[in-house]
Amino acid sequence: MNRERTDAELVAAARCDPEAFGELYARHVRAVHDWHVRRIPWAAVDLTAETFAQAWLHRRRFHDRRDGSELPWLLGIARNVLRESARRDRIATRARERLGLPLDLGGEDGYEAVDERLSPRRALARALEALPESERTALELRVVDELGYDEVADRLDIRPAAARLRVSRALRRLAPTTPKEEW
């Protein structure tokens, strides 16, 4: 007579026999997956995999308290995995917000938007385009063309003091306006 081993027996055997843990996995994967699906359907597969990875790592901690069933223990691990995942997501979301990155990269252009925001040349081009034309022109003549203020003033038909003021205002507008946060 060949009886089926209890979960407790399989966990004990899994300490030296990985196939015993595979049997446990096959026995409970559907229940753990369904538990995650009811909470976060889009991440259920990953969370289920992490639940069993944690169960494998901590298999020596299992104590038979439920007539040989490991399912309550696995669901406790699933709850902790879900909680840790939510905590990591909150941290990542706050970091994306601080960096000004899009929160949802689901669209096809999501990664391009990140590249766009992280590209210093593109960011500078956007910032320059946002300047008033008179300030942008004065700044380009002074910084890009490396002209002195007298020459900038001649080209724009203004006084040198006005050229200095336009360049100064443009630079101030381009400077970061938010203080850096402590990490």
C-alpha atoms as a PDB file:
ATOM      1  CA  MET A   1       0.000   0.000   0.000  1.00  0.00           C
ATOM      2  CA  ASN A   2       1.498   3.254  -1.211  1.00  0.00           C
ATOM      3  CA  ARG A   3       0.042   6.213   0.701  1.00  0.00           C
ATOM      4  CA  GLU A   4       0.541   9.836  -0.317  1.00  0.00           C
ATOM      5  CA  ARG A   5       3.012  11.715   1.869  1.00  0.00           C
ATOM      6  CA  THR A   6       1.753  14.661   3.903  1.00  0.00           C
ATOM      7  CA  ASP A   7       3.084  18.155   3.308  1.00  0.00           C
ATOM      8  CA  ALA A   8       5.040  17.931   6.541  1.00  0.00           C
ATOM      9  CA  GLU A   9       6.698  14.746   5.321  1.00  0.00           C
ATOM     10  CA  LEU A  10       7.480  16.335   1.964  1.00  0.00           C
ATOM     11  CA  VAL A  11       9.009  19.413   3.606  1.00  0.00           C
ATOM     12  CA  ALA A  12      11.140  17.227   5.824  1.00  0.00           C
ATOM     13  CA  ALA A  13      12.227  15.194   2.796  1.00  0.00           C
ATOM     14  CA  ALA A  14      12.904  18.391   0.787  1.00  0.00           C
ATOM     15  CA  ARG A  15      15.839  19.174   3.057  1.00  0.00           C
ATOM     16  CA  CYS A  16      17.844  16.619   1.093  1.00  0.00           C
ATOM     17  CA  ASP A  17      15.498  15.775  -1.821  1.00  0.00           C
ATOM     18  CA  PRO A  18      14.521  18.700  -4.101  1.00  0.00           C
ATOM     19  CA  GLU A  19      11.980  16.503  -5.889  1.00  0.00           C
ATOM     20  CA  ALA A  20       9.961  16.346  -2.683  1.00  0.00           C
ATOM     21  CA  PHE A  21       9.674  20.134  -2.804  1.00  0.00           C
ATOM     22  CA  GLY A  22       8.607  19.828  -6.448  1.00  0.00           C
ATOM     23  CA  GLU A  23       5.785  17.591  -5.309  1.00  0.00           C
ATOM     24  CA  LEU A  24       4.733  20.222  -2.762  1.00  0.00           C
ATOM     25  CA  TYR A  25       4.852  22.865  -5.460  1.00  0.00           C
ATOM     26  CA  ALA A  26       2.628  20.829  -7.763  1.00  0.00           C
ATOM     27  CA  ARG A  27       0.202  20.229  -4.903  1.00  0.00           C
ATOM     28  CA  HIS A  28      -0.230  23.890  -3.890  1.00  0.00           C
ATOM     29  CA  VAL A  29       0.766  26.111  -6.815  1.00  0.00           C
ATOM     30  CA  ARG A  30      -2.828  26.578  -8.024  1.00  0.00           C
ATOM     31  CA  ALA A  31      -4.079  27.670  -4.583  1.00  0.00           C
ATOM     32  CA  VAL A  32      -1.197  30.121  -4.081  1.00  0.00           C
ATOM     33  CA  HIS A  33      -1.583  31.492  -7.608  1.00  0.00           C
ATOM     34  CA  ASP A  34      -5.343  31.937  -7.134  1.00  0.00           C
ATOM     35  CA  TRP A  35      -4.695  33.758  -3.857  1.00  0.00           C
ATOM     36  CA  HIS A  36      -2.407  36.218  -5.670  1.00  0.00           C
ATOM     37  CA  VAL A  37      -4.806  36.565  -8.634  1.00  0.00           C
ATOM     38  CA  ARG A  38      -7.540  37.743  -6.252  1.00  0.00           C
ATOM     39  CA  ARG A  39      -5.227  40.505  -5.046  1.00  0.00           C
ATOM     40  CA  ILE A  40      -3.036  41.583  -7.975  1.00  0.00           C
ATOM     41  CA  PRO A  41      -3.950  39.679 -11.156  1.00  0.00           C
ATOM     42  CA  TRP A  42      -1.292  41.264 -13.369  1.00  0.00           C
ATOM     43  CA  ALA A  43       1.552  40.200 -11.036  1.00  0.00           C
ATOM     44  CA  ALA A  44       0.192  36.857  -9.816  1.00  0.00           C
ATOM     45  CA  VAL A  45       2.655  34.683 -11.738  1.00  0.00           C
ATOM     46  CA  ASP A  46       5.707  36.568 -10.459  1.00  0.00           C
ATOM     47  CA  LEU A  47       4.378  36.725  -6.907  1.00  0.00           C
ATOM     48  CA  THR A  48       3.595  32.997  -6.953  1.00  0.00           C
ATOM     49  CA  ALA A  49       7.126  32.226  -8.111  1.00  0.00           C
ATOM     50  CA  GLU A  50       8.568  34.441  -5.379  1.00  0.00           C
ATOM     51  CA  THR A  51       6.330  32.792  -2.776  1.00  0.00           C
ATOM     52  CA  PHE A  52       7.690  29.360  -3.614  1.00  0.00           C
ATOM     53  CA  ALA A  53      11.253  30.668  -3.802  1.00  0.00           C
ATOM     54  CA  GLN A  54      10.869  32.031  -0.273  1.00  0.00           C
ATOM     55  CA  ALA A  55       9.274  28.763   0.873  1.00  0.00           C
ATOM     56  CA  TRP A  56      12.255  26.858  -0.519  1.00  0.00           C
ATOM     57  CA  LEU A  57      14.729  29.159   1.211  1.00  0.00           C
ATOM     58  CA  HIS A  58      12.882  28.905   4.536  1.00  0.00           C
ATOM     59  CA  ARG A  59      11.688  25.306   4.328  1.00  0.00           C
ATOM     60  CA  ARG A  60      13.453  24.435   7.585  1.00  0.00           C
ATOM     61  CA  ARG A  61      11.144  26.866   9.417  1.00  0.00           C
ATOM     62  CA  PHE A  62       7.992  24.948   8.535  1.00  0.00           C
ATOM     63  CA  HIS A  63       6.352  23.345  11.571  1.00  0.00           C
ATOM     64  CA  ASP A  64       3.416  21.010  11.142  1.00  0.00           C
ATOM     65  CA  ARG A  65       0.543  22.849  12.847  1.00  0.00           C
ATOM     66  CA  ARG A  66      -2.283  21.944  10.501  1.00  0.00           C
ATOM     67  CA  ASP A  67      -2.475  18.178  10.142  1.00  0.00           C
ATOM     68  CA  GLY A  68       0.428  18.037   7.739  1.00  0.00           C
ATOM     69  CA  SER A  69      -0.811  20.828   5.437  1.00  0.00           C
ATOM     70  CA  GLU A  70       1.686  23.382   4.247  1.00  0.00           C
ATOM     71  CA  LEU A  71      -0.925  25.615   2.569  1.00  0.00           C
ATOM     72  CA  PRO A  72      -1.517  27.993   5.535  1.00  0.00           C
ATOM     73  CA  TRP A  73       2.267  28.436   5.828  1.00  0.00           C
ATOM     74  CA  LEU A  74       2.545  29.101   2.084  1.00  0.00           C
ATOM     75  CA  LEU A  75      -0.273  31.647   2.213  1.00  0.00           C
ATOM     76  CA  GLY A  76       1.501  33.405   5.085  1.00  0.00           C
ATOM     77  CA  ILE A  77       4.600  33.605   2.915  1.00  0.00           C
ATOM     78  CA  ALA A  78       2.422  34.831   0.015  1.00  0.00           C
ATOM     79  CA  ARG A  79       1.058  37.631   2.228  1.00  0.00           C
ATOM     80  CA  ASN A  80       4.602  38.690   3.168  1.00  0.00           C
ATOM     81  CA  VAL A  81       5.746  38.546  -0.471  1.00  0.00           C
ATOM     82  CA  LEU A  82       2.782  40.707  -1.506  1.00  0.00           C
ATOM     83  CA  ARG A  83       3.480  43.214   1.278  1.00  0.00           C
ATOM     84  CA  GLU A  84       7.185  43.444   0.346  1.00  0.00           C
ATOM     85  CA  SER A  85       6.301  43.861  -3.335  1.00  0.00           C
ATOM     86  CA  ALA A  86       3.944  46.734  -2.503  1.00  0.00           C
ATOM     87  CA  ARG A  87       6.638  48.379  -0.373  1.00  0.00           C
ATOM     88  CA  ARG A  88       9.197  48.128  -3.210  1.00  0.00           C
ATOM     89  CA  ASP A  89       6.656  49.544  -5.669  1.00  0.00           C
ATOM     90  CA  ARG A  90       5.983  52.527  -3.387  1.00  0.00           C
ATOM     91  CA  ILE A  91       9.707  53.225  -3.131  1.00  0.00           C
ATOM     92  CA  ALA A  92      10.160  52.928  -6.905  1.00  0.00           C
ATOM     93  CA  THR A  93       7.152  55.165  -7.568  1.00  0.00           C
ATOM     94  CA  ARG A  94       8.478  57.873  -5.235  1.00  0.00           C
ATOM     95  CA  ALA A  95      11.883  57.673  -6.926  1.00  0.00           C
ATOM     96  CA  ARG A  96      10.306  58.026 -10.397  1.00  0.00           C
ATOM     97  CA  GLU A  97       8.289  61.014  -9.179  1.00  0.00           C
ATOM     98  CA  ARG A  98      11.409  62.694  -7.748  1.00  0.00           C
ATOM     99  CA  LEU A  99      13.268  62.156 -11.020  1.00  0.00           C
ATOM    100  CA  GLY A 100      10.337  63.365 -13.111  1.00  0.00           C
ATOM    101  CA  LEU A 101      10.045  60.035 -14.919  1.00  0.00           C
ATOM    102  CA  PRO A 102       6.716  58.700 -16.159  1.00  0.00           C
ATOM    103  CA  LEU A 103       4.953  56.480 -13.651  1.00  0.00           C
ATOM    104  CA  ASP A 104       3.511  54.195 -16.319  1.00  0.00           C
ATOM    105  CA  LEU A 105       5.841  52.800 -18.960  1.00  0.00           C
ATOM    106  CA  GLY A 106       3.107  50.581 -20.366  1.00  0.00           C
ATOM    107  CA  GLY A 107       2.828  52.312 -23.723  1.00  0.00           C
ATOM    108  CA  GLU A 108       5.201  51.682 -26.589  1.00  0.00           C
ATOM    109  CA  ASP A 109       6.689  55.141 -26.232  1.00  0.00           C
ATOM    110  CA  GLY A 110       7.162  54.765 -22.463  1.00  0.00           C
ATOM    111  CA  TYR A 111      10.848  53.897 -22.648  1.00  0.00           C
ATOM    112  CA  GLU A 112      11.427  56.528 -25.324  1.00  0.00           C
ATOM    113  CA  ALA A 113       9.897  59.092 -22.974  1.00  0.00           C
ATOM    114  CA  VAL A 114      12.370  58.066 -20.276  1.00  0.00           C
ATOM    115  CA  ASP A 115      15.267  58.348 -22.736  1.00  0.00           C
ATOM    116  CA  GLU A 116      13.951  61.727 -23.817  1.00  0.00           C
ATOM    117  CA  ARG A 117      13.835  63.009 -20.258  1.00  0.00           C
ATOM    118  CA  LEU A 118      17.256  61.658 -19.392  1.00  0.00           C
ATOM    119  CA  SER A 119      18.978  63.013 -22.497  1.00  0.00           C
ATOM    120  CA  PRO A 120      20.793  66.211 -21.493  1.00  0.00           C
ATOM    121  CA  ARG A 121      20.843  67.533 -25.065  1.00  0.00           C
ATOM    122  CA  ARG A 122      17.109  67.090 -25.503  1.00  0.00           C
ATOM    123  CA  ALA A 123      16.422  68.582 -22.095  1.00  0.00           C
ATOM    124  CA  LEU A 124      18.593  71.592 -22.933  1.00  0.00           C
ATOM    125  CA  ALA A 125      16.863  72.020 -26.300  1.00  0.00           C
ATOM    126  CA  ARG A 126      13.445  71.973 -24.598  1.00  0.00           C
ATOM    127  CA  ALA A 127      14.611  74.466 -21.977  1.00  0.00           C
ATOM    128  CA  LEU A 128      16.052  76.806 -24.624  1.00  0.00           C
ATOM    129  CA  GLU A 129      12.841  76.624 -26.655  1.00  0.00           C
ATOM    130  CA  ALA A 130      10.893  77.693 -23.568  1.00  0.00           C
ATOM    131  CA  LEU A 131      12.944  80.900 -23.193  1.00  0.00           C
ATOM    132  CA  PRO A 132      11.618  84.182 -24.560  1.00  0.00           C
ATOM    133  CA  GLU A 133      13.164  84.732 -28.002  1.00  0.00           C
ATOM    134  CA  SER A 134      15.087  87.858 -26.998  1.00  0.00           C
ATOM    135  CA  GLU A 135      16.751  86.045 -24.073  1.00  0.00           C
ATOM    136  CA  ARG A 136      17.439  82.889 -26.094  1.00  0.00           C
ATOM    137  CA  THR A 137      19.092  84.881 -28.884  1.00  0.00           C
ATOM    138  CA  ALA A 138      21.251  86.860 -26.443  1.00  0.00           C
ATOM    139  CA  LEU A 139      22.279  83.658 -24.656  1.00  0.00           C
ATOM    140  CA  GLU A 140      23.166  81.883 -27.911  1.00  0.00           C
ATOM    141  CA  LEU A 141      25.260  84.818 -29.100  1.00  0.00           C
ATOM    142  CA  ARG A 142      27.090  85.038 -25.773  1.00  0.00           C
ATOM    143  CA  VAL A 143      27.556  81.316 -24.969  1.00  0.00           C
ATOM    144  CA  VAL A 144      27.423  79.462 -28.286  1.00  0.00           C
ATOM    145  CA  ASP A 145      29.014  82.097 -30.510  1.00  0.00           C
ATOM    146  CA  GLU A 146      31.255  83.268 -27.639  1.00  0.00           C
ATOM    147  CA  LEU A 147      30.712  86.951 -28.393  1.00  0.00           C
ATOM    148  CA  GLY A 148      31.442  89.660 -25.847  1.00  0.00           C
ATOM    149  CA  TYR A 149      28.575  91.686 -24.430  1.00  0.00           C
ATOM    150  CA  ASP A 150      29.423  94.668 -26.657  1.00  0.00           C
ATOM    151  CA  GLU A 151      29.169  92.449 -29.759  1.00  0.00           C
ATOM    152  CA  VAL A 152      25.912  90.871 -28.522  1.00  0.00           C
ATOM    153  CA  ALA A 153      24.529  94.371 -27.971  1.00  0.00           C
ATOM    154  CA  ASP A 154      25.576  95.471 -31.503  1.00  0.00           C
ATOM    155  CA  ARG A 155      23.942  92.419 -33.123  1.00  0.00           C
ATOM    156  CA  LEU A 156      20.704  92.918 -31.190  1.00  0.00           C
ATOM    157  CA  ASP A 157      20.782  96.697 -31.474  1.00  0.00           C
ATOM    158  CA  ILE A 158      20.587  97.171 -27.702  1.00  0.00           C
ATOM    159  CA  ARG A 159      22.881  98.579 -25.018  1.00  0.00           C
ATOM    160  CA  PRO A 160      25.565  96.270 -23.465  1.00  0.00           C
ATOM    161  CA  ALA A 161      23.810  96.487 -20.085  1.00  0.00           C
ATOM    162  CA  ALA A 162      20.605  95.186 -21.696  1.00  0.00           C
ATOM    163  CA  ALA A 163      22.593  92.339 -23.323  1.00  0.00           C
ATOM    164  CA  ARG A 164      24.004  91.378 -19.917  1.00  0.00           C
ATOM    165  CA  LEU A 165      20.527  91.469 -18.403  1.00  0.00           C
ATOM    166  CA  ARG A 166      19.033  89.243 -21.120  1.00  0.00           C
ATOM    167  CA  VAL A 167      21.825  86.669 -20.783  1.00  0.00           C
ATOM    168  CA  SER A 168      21.536  86.749 -16.990  1.00  0.00           C
ATOM    169  CA  ARG A 169      17.751  86.231 -17.102  1.00  0.00           C
ATOM    170  CA  ALA A 170      18.117  83.353 -19.565  1.00  0.00           C
ATOM    171  CA  LEU A 171      20.678  81.629 -17.354  1.00  0.00           C
ATOM    172  CA  ARG A 172      18.479  82.098 -14.300  1.00  0.00           C
ATOM    173  CA  ARG A 173      15.523  80.532 -16.114  1.00  0.00           C
ATOM    174  CA  LEU A 174      17.664  77.551 -17.102  1.00  0.00           C
ATOM    175  CA  ALA A 175      18.910  76.959 -13.545  1.00  0.00           C
ATOM    176  CA  PRO A 176      17.197  74.182 -11.585  1.00  0.00           C
ATOM    177  CA  THR A 177      14.365  75.587  -9.506  1.00  0.00           C
ATOM    178  CA  THR A 178      13.792  72.746  -7.052  1.00  0.00           C
ATOM    179  CA  PRO A 179      16.228  72.024  -4.254  1.00  0.00           C
ATOM    180  CA  LYS A 180      17.935  68.648  -4.350  1.00  0.00           C
ATOM    181  CA  GLU A 181      16.379  66.154  -1.972  1.00  0.00           C
ATOM    182  CA  GLU A 182      18.407  64.172   0.494  1.00  0.00           C
ATOM    183  CA  TRP A 183      18.679  60.508  -0.446  1.00  0.00           C
END
